[in-house]
N, C-alpha and C. Protein backbone atom coordinates (compact mmCIF):
# COMPACT_ATOMS: atom_id res chain seq x y z
N UNK A 1 -187.17 2.46 -23.47
CA UNK A 1 -186.78 3.69 -24.04
C UNK A 1 -187.32 3.77 -25.46
N UNK A 2 -187.83 4.91 -25.79
CA UNK A 2 -188.44 5.11 -27.09
C UNK A 2 -187.48 5.89 -27.98
N UNK A 3 -187.35 5.48 -29.22
CA UNK A 3 -186.51 6.24 -30.15
C UNK A 3 -187.36 6.69 -31.34
N UNK A 4 -187.01 7.84 -31.83
CA UNK A 4 -187.74 8.39 -32.97
C UNK A 4 -186.79 8.42 -34.15
N UNK A 5 -187.26 7.92 -35.24
CA UNK A 5 -186.46 7.90 -36.45
C UNK A 5 -187.08 8.87 -37.45
N UNK A 6 -186.28 9.82 -37.98
CA UNK A 6 -186.78 10.77 -38.98
C UNK A 6 -186.59 10.14 -40.34
N UNK A 7 -187.69 9.97 -41.02
CA UNK A 7 -187.66 9.28 -42.29
C UNK A 7 -187.83 10.27 -43.46
N UNK A 8 -188.48 11.36 -43.24
CA UNK A 8 -188.79 12.30 -44.33
C UNK A 8 -187.63 13.23 -44.65
N UNK A 9 -187.80 13.95 -45.71
CA UNK A 9 -186.84 14.95 -46.13
C UNK A 9 -187.54 16.30 -46.04
N UNK A 10 -186.86 17.23 -45.45
CA UNK A 10 -187.41 18.57 -45.32
C UNK A 10 -187.13 19.33 -46.62
N UNK A 11 -188.17 19.90 -47.18
CA UNK A 11 -188.02 20.67 -48.42
C UNK A 11 -188.18 22.14 -48.06
N UNK A 12 -187.22 22.89 -48.44
CA UNK A 12 -187.27 24.33 -48.20
C UNK A 12 -187.77 25.00 -49.48
N UNK A 13 -188.87 25.69 -49.35
CA UNK A 13 -189.45 26.37 -50.50
C UNK A 13 -189.10 27.85 -50.39
N UNK A 14 -188.45 28.34 -51.41
CA UNK A 14 -188.08 29.74 -51.44
C UNK A 14 -188.91 30.43 -52.52
N UNK A 15 -189.58 31.46 -52.14
CA UNK A 15 -190.36 32.22 -53.09
C UNK A 15 -189.58 33.48 -53.43
N UNK A 16 -189.34 33.65 -54.69
CA UNK A 16 -188.62 34.82 -55.14
C UNK A 16 -189.65 35.83 -55.63
N UNK A 17 -189.65 36.98 -55.01
CA UNK A 17 -190.59 38.02 -55.38
C UNK A 17 -189.98 38.89 -56.47
N UNK A 18 -190.82 39.36 -57.35
CA UNK A 18 -190.37 40.28 -58.40
C UNK A 18 -189.98 41.59 -57.73
N UNK A 19 -188.79 42.06 -57.98
CA UNK A 19 -188.32 43.28 -57.33
C UNK A 19 -188.42 44.50 -58.23
N UNK A 20 -189.08 44.35 -59.37
CA UNK A 20 -189.25 45.52 -60.22
C UNK A 20 -190.23 46.47 -59.55
N UNK A 21 -190.21 47.71 -59.96
CA UNK A 21 -191.05 48.70 -59.32
C UNK A 21 -192.25 49.06 -60.19
N UNK A 22 -192.92 48.05 -60.70
CA UNK A 22 -194.12 48.30 -61.50
C UNK A 22 -195.15 48.99 -60.62
N UNK A 23 -195.89 49.89 -61.21
CA UNK A 23 -196.95 50.56 -60.47
C UNK A 23 -198.29 50.10 -61.01
N UNK A 24 -199.35 50.65 -60.45
CA UNK A 24 -200.69 50.24 -60.84
C UNK A 24 -201.08 50.70 -62.24
N UNK A 25 -200.21 51.48 -62.90
CA UNK A 25 -200.46 51.92 -64.28
C UNK A 25 -199.85 50.98 -65.30
N UNK A 26 -199.03 50.07 -64.85
CA UNK A 26 -198.31 49.21 -65.79
C UNK A 26 -197.91 47.91 -65.10
N UNK A 27 -198.87 47.01 -64.93
CA UNK A 27 -198.61 45.74 -64.25
C UNK A 27 -198.45 44.64 -65.28
N UNK A 28 -197.21 44.21 -65.48
CA UNK A 28 -196.94 43.14 -66.44
C UNK A 28 -197.46 41.82 -65.90
N UNK A 29 -197.85 40.93 -66.81
CA UNK A 29 -198.27 39.56 -66.48
C UNK A 29 -199.40 39.53 -65.45
N UNK A 30 -200.35 40.44 -65.62
CA UNK A 30 -201.46 40.54 -64.67
C UNK A 30 -202.78 40.59 -65.42
N UNK A 31 -203.76 39.87 -64.89
CA UNK A 31 -205.11 39.83 -65.47
C UNK A 31 -206.11 40.09 -64.35
N UNK A 32 -207.32 40.46 -64.70
CA UNK A 32 -208.45 40.60 -63.78
C UNK A 32 -209.62 39.85 -64.39
N UNK A 33 -210.24 39.01 -63.62
CA UNK A 33 -211.41 38.30 -64.12
C UNK A 33 -212.65 39.07 -63.74
N UNK A 34 -213.71 38.85 -64.51
CA UNK A 34 -215.03 39.44 -64.28
C UNK A 34 -215.00 40.96 -64.50
N UNK A 35 -216.15 41.55 -64.42
CA UNK A 35 -216.27 42.99 -64.51
C UNK A 35 -216.02 43.59 -65.88
N UNK A 36 -216.17 42.79 -66.95
CA UNK A 36 -215.94 43.34 -68.28
C UNK A 36 -217.04 44.31 -68.67
N UNK A 37 -216.64 45.49 -69.14
CA UNK A 37 -217.59 46.44 -69.73
C UNK A 37 -217.75 46.05 -71.19
N UNK A 38 -216.64 45.99 -71.90
CA UNK A 38 -216.57 45.45 -73.26
C UNK A 38 -215.11 45.30 -73.63
N UNK A 39 -214.87 44.67 -74.77
CA UNK A 39 -213.50 44.51 -75.25
C UNK A 39 -213.42 44.97 -76.70
N UNK A 40 -212.21 45.31 -77.14
CA UNK A 40 -211.98 45.77 -78.50
C UNK A 40 -210.51 45.53 -78.86
N UNK A 41 -210.19 45.65 -80.12
CA UNK A 41 -208.82 45.54 -80.59
C UNK A 41 -208.16 46.91 -80.45
N UNK A 42 -207.05 46.98 -79.76
CA UNK A 42 -206.32 48.23 -79.54
C UNK A 42 -204.96 48.12 -80.21
N UNK A 43 -204.44 49.23 -80.67
CA UNK A 43 -203.12 49.21 -81.31
C UNK A 43 -202.02 48.95 -80.29
N UNK A 44 -202.23 49.41 -79.05
CA UNK A 44 -201.23 49.20 -78.00
C UNK A 44 -201.87 49.43 -76.62
N UNK A 45 -201.07 49.21 -75.59
CA UNK A 45 -201.54 49.34 -74.21
C UNK A 45 -201.98 50.77 -73.90
N UNK A 46 -201.27 51.76 -74.44
CA UNK A 46 -201.63 53.16 -74.18
C UNK A 46 -203.01 53.49 -74.73
N UNK A 47 -203.35 52.99 -75.92
CA UNK A 47 -204.68 53.22 -76.48
C UNK A 47 -205.74 52.56 -75.59
N UNK A 48 -205.45 51.39 -75.10
CA UNK A 48 -206.37 50.68 -74.21
C UNK A 48 -206.68 51.53 -72.97
N UNK A 49 -205.63 52.09 -72.35
CA UNK A 49 -205.82 52.94 -71.16
C UNK A 49 -206.55 54.23 -71.50
N UNK A 50 -206.25 54.81 -72.66
CA UNK A 50 -206.89 56.06 -73.08
C UNK A 50 -208.41 55.86 -73.22
N UNK A 51 -208.82 54.77 -73.85
CA UNK A 51 -210.25 54.50 -74.03
C UNK A 51 -210.92 54.32 -72.67
N UNK A 52 -210.25 53.67 -71.74
CA UNK A 52 -210.80 53.50 -70.39
C UNK A 52 -211.04 54.84 -69.72
N UNK A 53 -210.09 55.76 -69.84
CA UNK A 53 -210.24 57.08 -69.21
C UNK A 53 -211.41 57.86 -69.77
N UNK A 54 -211.88 57.50 -70.97
CA UNK A 54 -213.02 58.18 -71.60
C UNK A 54 -214.36 57.64 -71.12
N UNK A 55 -214.36 56.56 -70.34
CA UNK A 55 -215.60 55.94 -69.83
C UNK A 55 -215.66 56.11 -68.32
N UNK A 56 -216.72 56.72 -67.84
CA UNK A 56 -216.83 57.03 -66.41
C UNK A 56 -216.87 55.79 -65.52
N UNK A 57 -217.34 54.65 -66.02
CA UNK A 57 -217.43 53.45 -65.19
C UNK A 57 -216.19 52.57 -65.26
N UNK A 58 -215.25 52.88 -66.14
CA UNK A 58 -214.06 52.05 -66.30
C UNK A 58 -213.05 52.36 -65.19
N UNK A 59 -212.63 51.31 -64.48
CA UNK A 59 -211.65 51.48 -63.40
C UNK A 59 -210.40 50.62 -63.61
N UNK A 60 -210.35 49.89 -64.72
CA UNK A 60 -209.19 49.05 -64.99
C UNK A 60 -209.21 48.52 -66.41
N UNK A 61 -208.04 48.08 -66.86
CA UNK A 61 -207.92 47.48 -68.19
C UNK A 61 -206.99 46.28 -68.13
N UNK A 62 -207.22 45.36 -69.04
CA UNK A 62 -206.30 44.25 -69.28
C UNK A 62 -206.04 44.24 -70.77
N UNK A 63 -204.77 44.25 -71.15
CA UNK A 63 -204.36 44.25 -72.56
C UNK A 63 -203.51 43.02 -72.82
N UNK A 64 -203.92 42.21 -73.80
CA UNK A 64 -203.14 41.03 -74.19
C UNK A 64 -202.12 41.45 -75.23
N UNK A 65 -200.83 41.28 -74.94
CA UNK A 65 -199.78 41.70 -75.86
C UNK A 65 -199.26 40.56 -76.73
N UNK A 66 -199.72 39.33 -76.48
CA UNK A 66 -199.37 38.21 -77.36
C UNK A 66 -200.39 37.10 -77.17
N UNK A 67 -200.29 36.08 -78.02
CA UNK A 67 -201.19 34.94 -77.91
C UNK A 67 -202.46 35.11 -78.73
N UNK A 68 -203.43 34.24 -78.47
CA UNK A 68 -204.69 34.21 -79.21
C UNK A 68 -205.44 35.54 -79.15
N UNK A 69 -205.39 36.22 -78.02
CA UNK A 69 -206.09 37.49 -77.85
C UNK A 69 -205.19 38.70 -78.10
N UNK A 70 -204.10 38.54 -78.82
CA UNK A 70 -203.14 39.63 -79.03
C UNK A 70 -203.84 40.92 -79.46
N UNK A 71 -203.47 42.04 -78.80
CA UNK A 71 -204.01 43.39 -79.03
C UNK A 71 -205.48 43.55 -78.60
N UNK A 72 -205.98 42.62 -77.80
CA UNK A 72 -207.35 42.74 -77.30
C UNK A 72 -207.30 43.49 -75.97
N UNK A 73 -208.16 44.47 -75.85
CA UNK A 73 -208.25 45.29 -74.64
C UNK A 73 -209.58 45.01 -73.96
N UNK A 74 -209.55 44.70 -72.67
CA UNK A 74 -210.76 44.48 -71.89
C UNK A 74 -210.90 45.63 -70.89
N UNK A 75 -211.99 46.38 -71.00
CA UNK A 75 -212.28 47.45 -70.04
C UNK A 75 -213.02 46.84 -68.87
N UNK A 76 -212.65 47.22 -67.64
CA UNK A 76 -213.21 46.62 -66.43
C UNK A 76 -213.94 47.66 -65.59
N UNK A 77 -215.04 47.22 -64.96
CA UNK A 77 -215.77 48.09 -64.03
C UNK A 77 -215.44 47.67 -62.60
N UNK A 78 -216.12 48.26 -61.62
CA UNK A 78 -215.82 47.97 -60.21
C UNK A 78 -216.13 46.52 -59.81
N UNK A 79 -216.82 45.78 -60.65
CA UNK A 79 -217.16 44.39 -60.35
C UNK A 79 -216.06 43.40 -60.69
N UNK A 80 -214.89 43.91 -61.10
CA UNK A 80 -213.83 42.98 -61.47
C UNK A 80 -213.32 42.21 -60.25
N UNK A 81 -212.80 41.02 -60.53
CA UNK A 81 -212.25 40.18 -59.48
C UNK A 81 -210.84 40.59 -59.12
N UNK A 82 -210.22 39.78 -58.29
CA UNK A 82 -208.86 40.10 -57.86
C UNK A 82 -207.88 39.93 -59.01
N UNK A 83 -206.71 40.49 -58.85
CA UNK A 83 -205.67 40.39 -59.86
C UNK A 83 -205.13 38.97 -59.92
N UNK A 84 -204.86 38.49 -61.12
CA UNK A 84 -204.36 37.14 -61.32
C UNK A 84 -203.16 37.18 -62.25
N UNK A 85 -202.39 36.12 -62.21
CA UNK A 85 -201.22 36.00 -63.08
C UNK A 85 -201.65 35.68 -64.51
N UNK A 86 -200.97 36.28 -65.46
CA UNK A 86 -201.24 36.05 -66.88
C UNK A 86 -199.94 36.31 -67.63
N UNK A 87 -199.46 35.34 -68.37
CA UNK A 87 -198.16 35.48 -69.04
C UNK A 87 -198.24 36.23 -70.36
N UNK A 88 -199.44 36.72 -70.72
CA UNK A 88 -199.61 37.41 -71.99
C UNK A 88 -200.32 38.75 -71.83
N UNK A 89 -200.42 39.23 -70.59
CA UNK A 89 -201.25 40.41 -70.31
C UNK A 89 -200.48 41.53 -69.61
N UNK A 90 -201.03 42.72 -69.75
CA UNK A 90 -200.63 43.88 -68.95
C UNK A 90 -201.91 44.48 -68.43
N UNK A 91 -201.86 45.02 -67.23
CA UNK A 91 -203.06 45.60 -66.63
C UNK A 91 -202.74 46.95 -66.01
N UNK A 92 -203.79 47.72 -65.82
CA UNK A 92 -203.70 49.02 -65.13
C UNK A 92 -205.01 49.22 -64.38
N UNK A 93 -204.94 49.82 -63.18
CA UNK A 93 -206.14 50.05 -62.39
C UNK A 93 -206.13 51.47 -61.80
N UNK A 94 -207.31 51.90 -61.38
CA UNK A 94 -207.44 53.20 -60.71
C UNK A 94 -206.90 53.10 -59.29
N UNK A 95 -206.47 54.19 -58.67
CA UNK A 95 -206.56 55.56 -59.17
C UNK A 95 -205.44 55.93 -60.13
N UNK A 96 -204.43 55.11 -60.22
CA UNK A 96 -203.29 55.42 -61.09
C UNK A 96 -203.73 55.61 -62.54
N UNK A 97 -204.60 54.76 -63.02
CA UNK A 97 -205.05 54.82 -64.40
C UNK A 97 -205.66 56.17 -64.74
N UNK A 98 -206.52 56.68 -63.90
CA UNK A 98 -207.15 57.98 -64.15
C UNK A 98 -206.15 59.12 -64.06
N UNK A 99 -205.28 59.06 -63.09
CA UNK A 99 -204.30 60.13 -62.88
C UNK A 99 -203.20 60.15 -63.94
N UNK A 100 -203.02 59.05 -64.64
CA UNK A 100 -201.97 58.97 -65.65
C UNK A 100 -202.32 59.79 -66.89
N UNK A 101 -203.58 60.01 -67.13
CA UNK A 101 -204.02 60.74 -68.32
C UNK A 101 -203.74 62.22 -68.21
N UNK A 102 -204.20 62.98 -69.19
CA UNK A 102 -203.96 64.42 -69.17
C UNK A 102 -204.69 65.11 -68.02
N UNK A 103 -204.12 66.18 -67.52
CA UNK A 103 -204.73 66.95 -66.44
C UNK A 103 -205.82 67.85 -67.00
N UNK A 104 -206.83 68.16 -66.18
CA UNK A 104 -207.85 69.11 -66.63
C UNK A 104 -207.29 70.53 -66.66
N UNK A 105 -208.00 71.42 -67.31
CA UNK A 105 -207.60 72.83 -67.37
C UNK A 105 -207.49 73.38 -65.95
N UNK A 106 -206.52 74.26 -65.72
CA UNK A 106 -206.28 74.82 -64.39
C UNK A 106 -205.27 74.04 -63.58
N UNK A 107 -204.81 72.91 -64.14
CA UNK A 107 -203.79 72.07 -63.50
C UNK A 107 -202.73 71.72 -64.52
N UNK A 108 -201.58 71.24 -64.05
CA UNK A 108 -200.52 70.79 -64.94
C UNK A 108 -199.93 69.49 -64.42
N UNK A 109 -199.33 68.71 -65.33
CA UNK A 109 -198.82 67.38 -65.01
C UNK A 109 -197.41 67.47 -64.44
N UNK A 110 -197.19 66.76 -63.33
CA UNK A 110 -195.87 66.62 -62.72
C UNK A 110 -195.62 65.12 -62.65
N UNK A 111 -194.58 64.65 -63.29
CA UNK A 111 -194.31 63.22 -63.31
C UNK A 111 -195.34 62.50 -64.16
N UNK A 112 -195.58 61.24 -63.85
CA UNK A 112 -196.48 60.42 -64.66
C UNK A 112 -197.93 60.50 -64.22
N UNK A 113 -198.18 60.74 -62.93
CA UNK A 113 -199.55 60.61 -62.45
C UNK A 113 -200.06 61.75 -61.58
N UNK A 114 -199.31 62.80 -61.39
CA UNK A 114 -199.75 63.85 -60.47
C UNK A 114 -200.14 65.12 -61.22
N UNK A 115 -201.35 65.61 -60.94
CA UNK A 115 -201.82 66.88 -61.47
C UNK A 115 -201.76 67.91 -60.34
N UNK A 116 -201.13 69.04 -60.61
CA UNK A 116 -200.95 70.09 -59.61
C UNK A 116 -201.73 71.33 -60.05
N UNK A 117 -202.39 71.98 -59.10
CA UNK A 117 -203.17 73.19 -59.38
C UNK A 117 -202.23 74.34 -59.73
N UNK A 118 -202.56 75.06 -60.79
CA UNK A 118 -201.79 76.25 -61.16
C UNK A 118 -201.95 77.30 -60.06
N UNK A 119 -200.88 78.00 -59.75
CA UNK A 119 -200.93 79.03 -58.69
C UNK A 119 -201.66 80.27 -59.19
N UNK A 120 -201.96 81.16 -58.27
CA UNK A 120 -202.61 82.42 -58.63
C UNK A 120 -201.75 83.17 -59.65
N UNK A 121 -202.40 83.87 -60.53
CA UNK A 121 -201.76 84.68 -61.58
C UNK A 121 -201.10 83.85 -62.66
N UNK A 122 -201.52 82.59 -62.78
CA UNK A 122 -201.14 81.71 -63.88
C UNK A 122 -202.39 80.96 -64.32
N UNK A 123 -202.32 80.26 -65.46
CA UNK A 123 -203.46 79.49 -65.96
C UNK A 123 -202.93 78.35 -66.83
N UNK A 124 -203.80 77.40 -67.16
CA UNK A 124 -203.42 76.32 -68.07
C UNK A 124 -204.65 75.79 -68.79
N UNK A 125 -204.41 75.24 -69.96
CA UNK A 125 -205.43 74.52 -70.72
C UNK A 125 -205.36 73.05 -70.33
N UNK A 126 -206.36 72.27 -70.69
CA UNK A 126 -206.35 70.83 -70.41
C UNK A 126 -205.13 70.20 -71.10
N UNK A 127 -204.49 69.25 -70.41
CA UNK A 127 -203.36 68.53 -70.97
C UNK A 127 -202.02 69.24 -70.84
N UNK A 128 -201.97 70.32 -70.08
CA UNK A 128 -200.73 71.11 -69.96
C UNK A 128 -199.70 70.43 -69.06
N UNK A 129 -198.43 70.72 -69.35
CA UNK A 129 -197.33 70.25 -68.51
C UNK A 129 -196.73 71.40 -67.71
N UNK A 130 -197.28 72.59 -67.87
CA UNK A 130 -196.85 73.74 -67.08
C UNK A 130 -197.97 74.78 -67.11
N UNK A 131 -197.85 75.78 -66.26
CA UNK A 131 -198.82 76.87 -66.23
C UNK A 131 -198.19 78.09 -66.92
N UNK A 132 -199.03 78.94 -67.46
CA UNK A 132 -198.58 80.13 -68.17
C UNK A 132 -198.89 81.35 -67.31
N UNK A 133 -197.93 82.26 -67.18
CA UNK A 133 -198.14 83.49 -66.40
C UNK A 133 -199.15 84.38 -67.11
N UNK A 134 -199.97 85.05 -66.32
CA UNK A 134 -200.92 86.01 -66.88
C UNK A 134 -200.15 87.18 -67.48
N UNK A 135 -200.62 87.71 -68.60
CA UNK A 135 -199.95 88.88 -69.19
C UNK A 135 -200.21 90.15 -68.38
N UNK A 136 -199.42 91.16 -68.63
CA UNK A 136 -199.61 92.45 -67.96
C UNK A 136 -201.05 92.92 -68.16
N UNK A 137 -201.63 93.53 -67.12
CA UNK A 137 -203.00 94.02 -67.18
C UNK A 137 -204.04 92.98 -66.83
N UNK A 138 -203.60 91.81 -66.34
CA UNK A 138 -204.55 90.75 -66.01
C UNK A 138 -204.10 90.00 -64.75
N UNK A 139 -204.98 89.12 -64.26
CA UNK A 139 -204.73 88.35 -63.04
C UNK A 139 -205.56 87.08 -63.09
N UNK A 140 -205.33 86.16 -62.15
CA UNK A 140 -206.16 84.96 -62.03
C UNK A 140 -206.07 84.42 -60.60
N UNK A 141 -207.07 83.63 -60.24
CA UNK A 141 -207.05 82.89 -58.98
C UNK A 141 -206.33 81.56 -59.22
N UNK A 142 -205.97 80.87 -58.17
CA UNK A 142 -205.34 79.55 -58.30
C UNK A 142 -206.31 78.61 -59.03
N UNK A 143 -205.77 77.75 -59.90
CA UNK A 143 -206.58 76.77 -60.61
C UNK A 143 -207.36 77.34 -61.79
N UNK A 144 -206.91 78.47 -62.31
CA UNK A 144 -207.66 79.14 -63.39
C UNK A 144 -207.36 78.55 -64.77
N UNK A 145 -208.34 78.69 -65.64
CA UNK A 145 -208.21 78.25 -67.03
C UNK A 145 -207.91 79.42 -67.96
N UNK A 146 -207.99 80.63 -67.43
CA UNK A 146 -207.67 81.84 -68.20
C UNK A 146 -207.44 82.98 -67.21
N UNK A 147 -206.99 84.11 -67.73
CA UNK A 147 -206.76 85.29 -66.90
C UNK A 147 -207.89 86.30 -67.12
N UNK A 148 -208.16 87.09 -66.11
CA UNK A 148 -209.17 88.14 -66.18
C UNK A 148 -208.47 89.48 -66.29
N UNK A 149 -209.09 90.42 -66.98
CA UNK A 149 -208.51 91.76 -67.09
C UNK A 149 -208.65 92.49 -65.75
N UNK A 150 -207.63 93.27 -65.38
CA UNK A 150 -207.73 94.10 -64.19
C UNK A 150 -208.91 95.06 -64.38
N UNK A 151 -209.69 95.31 -63.35
CA UNK A 151 -210.81 96.24 -63.50
C UNK A 151 -210.30 97.67 -63.67
N UNK A 152 -211.14 98.53 -64.21
CA UNK A 152 -210.81 99.95 -64.36
C UNK A 152 -210.43 100.50 -62.99
N UNK A 153 -209.41 101.36 -62.95
CA UNK A 153 -208.93 101.93 -61.70
C UNK A 153 -207.80 101.13 -61.08
N UNK A 154 -207.47 99.98 -61.69
CA UNK A 154 -206.37 99.15 -61.20
C UNK A 154 -205.47 98.80 -62.38
N UNK A 155 -204.25 98.35 -62.09
CA UNK A 155 -203.29 98.01 -63.13
C UNK A 155 -202.42 96.84 -62.68
N UNK A 156 -201.77 96.22 -63.65
CA UNK A 156 -200.80 95.16 -63.38
C UNK A 156 -199.70 95.29 -64.42
N UNK A 157 -198.51 95.70 -64.00
CA UNK A 157 -197.43 95.96 -64.95
C UNK A 157 -196.80 94.68 -65.50
N UNK A 158 -196.90 93.60 -64.75
CA UNK A 158 -196.25 92.37 -65.21
C UNK A 158 -197.18 91.16 -65.19
N UNK A 159 -198.45 91.37 -65.00
CA UNK A 159 -199.37 90.24 -64.86
C UNK A 159 -199.34 89.79 -63.42
N UNK A 160 -200.47 89.57 -62.87
CA UNK A 160 -200.53 89.17 -61.47
C UNK A 160 -201.53 90.04 -60.74
N UNK A 161 -201.29 90.29 -59.48
CA UNK A 161 -202.27 91.04 -58.71
C UNK A 161 -202.42 92.45 -59.27
N UNK A 162 -203.65 92.91 -59.28
CA UNK A 162 -203.97 94.24 -59.80
C UNK A 162 -203.93 95.24 -58.65
N UNK A 163 -203.13 96.27 -58.81
CA UNK A 163 -202.94 97.29 -57.78
C UNK A 163 -203.79 98.52 -58.12
N UNK A 164 -204.32 99.20 -57.10
CA UNK A 164 -205.10 100.41 -57.39
C UNK A 164 -204.19 101.54 -57.87
N UNK A 165 -204.70 102.34 -58.77
CA UNK A 165 -203.96 103.50 -59.24
C UNK A 165 -203.85 104.52 -58.11
N UNK A 166 -202.70 105.19 -57.96
CA UNK A 166 -202.56 106.20 -56.91
C UNK A 166 -203.40 107.46 -57.22
N UNK A 167 -203.53 108.33 -56.23
CA UNK A 167 -204.24 109.60 -56.39
C UNK A 167 -203.62 110.37 -57.56
N UNK A 168 -204.45 111.08 -58.30
CA UNK A 168 -204.07 111.87 -59.47
C UNK A 168 -203.65 111.03 -60.68
N UNK A 169 -204.07 109.75 -60.69
CA UNK A 169 -203.90 108.88 -61.86
C UNK A 169 -205.19 108.08 -62.03
N UNK A 170 -205.34 107.44 -63.18
CA UNK A 170 -206.53 106.62 -63.46
C UNK A 170 -206.15 105.55 -64.47
N UNK A 171 -207.05 104.55 -64.67
CA UNK A 171 -206.79 103.51 -65.67
C UNK A 171 -208.09 102.93 -66.17
N UNK A 172 -208.05 102.42 -67.38
CA UNK A 172 -209.17 101.68 -67.97
C UNK A 172 -209.01 100.20 -67.62
N UNK A 173 -210.01 99.39 -67.92
CA UNK A 173 -209.94 97.95 -67.69
C UNK A 173 -208.77 97.35 -68.48
N UNK A 174 -208.04 96.43 -67.85
CA UNK A 174 -206.94 95.72 -68.50
C UNK A 174 -205.67 96.53 -68.66
N UNK A 175 -205.49 97.55 -67.84
CA UNK A 175 -204.31 98.43 -67.97
C UNK A 175 -203.05 97.83 -67.38
N UNK A 176 -201.92 98.14 -68.05
CA UNK A 176 -200.60 97.75 -67.57
C UNK A 176 -199.99 98.83 -66.69
N UNK A 177 -200.54 100.03 -66.77
CA UNK A 177 -200.04 101.17 -65.97
C UNK A 177 -201.17 102.17 -65.80
N UNK A 178 -200.97 103.11 -64.90
CA UNK A 178 -201.94 104.18 -64.66
C UNK A 178 -201.52 105.42 -65.46
N UNK A 179 -202.49 106.18 -65.85
CA UNK A 179 -202.24 107.40 -66.63
C UNK A 179 -202.37 108.60 -65.72
N UNK A 180 -201.39 109.52 -65.81
CA UNK A 180 -201.45 110.75 -65.00
C UNK A 180 -202.62 111.62 -65.47
N UNK A 181 -203.25 112.28 -64.52
CA UNK A 181 -204.36 113.18 -64.86
C UNK A 181 -203.85 114.33 -65.72
N UNK A 182 -204.62 114.76 -66.71
CA UNK A 182 -204.21 115.90 -67.52
C UNK A 182 -204.12 117.17 -66.67
N UNK A 183 -203.36 118.15 -67.14
CA UNK A 183 -203.22 119.42 -66.41
C UNK A 183 -204.59 120.00 -66.06
N UNK A 184 -204.71 120.46 -64.85
CA UNK A 184 -205.94 121.09 -64.38
C UNK A 184 -206.97 120.10 -63.87
N UNK A 185 -206.68 118.77 -63.86
CA UNK A 185 -207.63 117.77 -63.32
C UNK A 185 -206.93 116.95 -62.25
N UNK A 186 -207.73 116.39 -61.37
CA UNK A 186 -207.21 115.56 -60.28
C UNK A 186 -208.16 114.41 -60.01
N UNK A 187 -207.64 113.41 -59.32
CA UNK A 187 -208.50 112.37 -58.74
C UNK A 187 -208.22 112.41 -57.25
N UNK A 188 -209.28 112.37 -56.46
CA UNK A 188 -209.14 112.52 -55.01
C UNK A 188 -208.92 111.19 -54.29
N UNK A 189 -209.16 110.07 -54.97
CA UNK A 189 -209.09 108.77 -54.33
C UNK A 189 -208.16 107.85 -55.11
N UNK A 190 -207.66 106.82 -54.46
CA UNK A 190 -206.91 105.80 -55.19
C UNK A 190 -207.90 104.93 -55.96
N UNK A 191 -207.46 104.31 -57.02
CA UNK A 191 -208.31 103.39 -57.78
C UNK A 191 -209.31 104.07 -58.69
N UNK A 192 -209.00 105.24 -59.22
CA UNK A 192 -209.94 105.93 -60.09
C UNK A 192 -209.93 105.34 -61.49
N UNK A 193 -211.12 105.26 -62.07
CA UNK A 193 -211.27 104.72 -63.42
C UNK A 193 -211.28 105.85 -64.45
N UNK A 194 -211.47 107.09 -64.00
CA UNK A 194 -211.49 108.22 -64.91
C UNK A 194 -211.17 109.48 -64.13
N UNK A 195 -211.02 110.59 -64.87
CA UNK A 195 -210.69 111.88 -64.25
C UNK A 195 -211.94 112.45 -63.60
């Protein structure tokens, strides 16, 4: 009869995962090797990310917040290596990094990283957090950076879609209302620009 004797000790290894909800715009204790475009001294992590957004080839950053390289920002291109642990670094990568910055004109920022297209009859400048309604006498298409004046023969009393003037009225470009024809004159069609 054969007997087996267990001599070893079983070691149970438990890995505790970080349960914080860091996103790709703010990864604490993370570094990326290779793919350096260049490095510079930054006042903070936000400046580091801002400079990256200004360079078309930059897709990531690593910022050292303490240690020998304190306040050093490394801009990374697509050739960067995988993410690695670093006890003195913060990192951010695309697409989150690009979306975190200001929205282009015609869009507005919702939350930290989402740019939404302005609806028709509104507009926005670059960096906006909301869209502005077109003023009376004007309109716009979705995603506009400004409003256009209603054409002659049409009007907009509150800003938005331009409606044609009814028969026996007329309007100039950019009108908020139609003007009634003077006594003894008429317009035979809707949308007249003059008597």
